[in-house]
Protein backbone atom coordinates (compact mmCIF):
# COMPACT_ATOMS: atom_id res chain seq x y z
CA MET A 1 9.99 -21.35 27.10
CA GLY A 2 9.35 -24.92 26.14
CA ARG A 3 10.47 -28.04 27.92
CA ASN A 4 14.09 -28.01 29.11
CA GLY A 5 14.41 -24.29 28.40
CA TRP A 6 14.21 -24.55 24.60
CA ILE A 7 12.08 -22.40 22.33
CA ASP A 8 9.02 -24.34 21.17
CA ALA A 9 8.54 -24.75 17.42
CA SER A 10 5.35 -22.69 17.15
CA SER A 11 6.94 -19.66 18.81
CA LEU A 12 9.98 -19.89 16.57
CA ALA A 13 7.72 -20.35 13.53
CA LEU A 14 6.04 -17.04 14.37
CA GLY A 15 9.08 -15.09 15.50
CA LEU A 16 11.57 -15.94 12.76
CA PRO A 17 9.46 -14.81 9.77
CA LEU A 18 8.50 -11.67 11.68
CA GLY A 19 12.16 -10.86 12.30
CA VAL A 20 13.07 -11.60 8.68
CA ALA A 21 10.27 -9.31 7.50
CA ILE A 22 11.58 -6.52 9.74
CA GLY A 23 15.10 -7.16 8.46
CA LEU A 24 13.93 -6.98 4.84
CA MET A 25 12.08 -3.73 5.50
CA MET A 26 15.25 -2.26 6.98
CA ASP A 27 17.42 -3.72 4.16
CA ASN A 28 19.53 -5.57 6.71
CA LEU A 29 18.84 -9.29 6.88
CA ALA A 30 21.76 -9.85 9.26
CA PHE A 31 19.81 -7.74 11.75
CA GLY A 32 16.51 -9.54 11.09
CA ILE A 33 17.57 -13.10 11.94
CA PRO A 34 18.64 -12.35 15.56
CA ILE A 35 15.56 -10.17 16.03
CA GLY A 36 13.41 -13.08 14.82
CA ILE A 37 15.01 -15.42 17.33
CA ALA A 38 14.43 -12.82 20.06
CA PHE A 39 10.76 -12.62 19.03
CA GLY A 40 10.57 -16.42 19.26
CA ILE A 41 12.01 -16.37 22.77
CA ALA A 42 9.57 -13.64 23.77
CA PHE A 43 6.60 -15.56 22.36
CA ALA A 44 7.70 -18.74 24.15
CA ALA A 45 8.14 -16.89 27.46
CA GLY A 46 4.75 -15.22 27.07
CA LYS A 47 3.14 -18.57 26.36
CA GLY A 48 4.69 -20.08 29.49
CA ARG A 49 3.54 -17.15 31.60
CA GLU A 50 0.03 -17.44 30.14
CA ARG A 51 -0.10 -21.10 31.20
CA GLY A 52 0.82 -20.24 34.76
CA GLY A 53 4.58 -20.46 34.93
CA GLU A 54 7.84 -20.69 33.07
CA ASP A 55 7.44 -24.45 32.70
CA GLY A 56 3.75 -24.30 31.71
CA ARG A 57 2.40 -25.79 34.94
CA ALA A 58 -0.56 -24.27 36.72
CA PRO A 59 0.26 -22.12 39.77
CA ASP A 60 -0.26 -23.54 43.24
CA ASP A 61 -3.51 -22.03 44.56
CA ARG A 62 -3.71 -23.88 47.86
CA GLY A 63 -2.60 -20.89 49.91
CA ALA A 64 -0.36 -20.79 52.96
């Protein structure tokens, strides 16, 4: 996730419309909003892992 454990704006901007679209397809918008937030969290966590860690820092490659 982003700094201090929050979802970054770009992940939420992707996840929320995706969840709303799924909610509209299922005719249940109350279901779509939480799913969109879950997608945002998943995107933020994936982004942190892609950068080398939960906090976005590169992994320590110095060895033991």
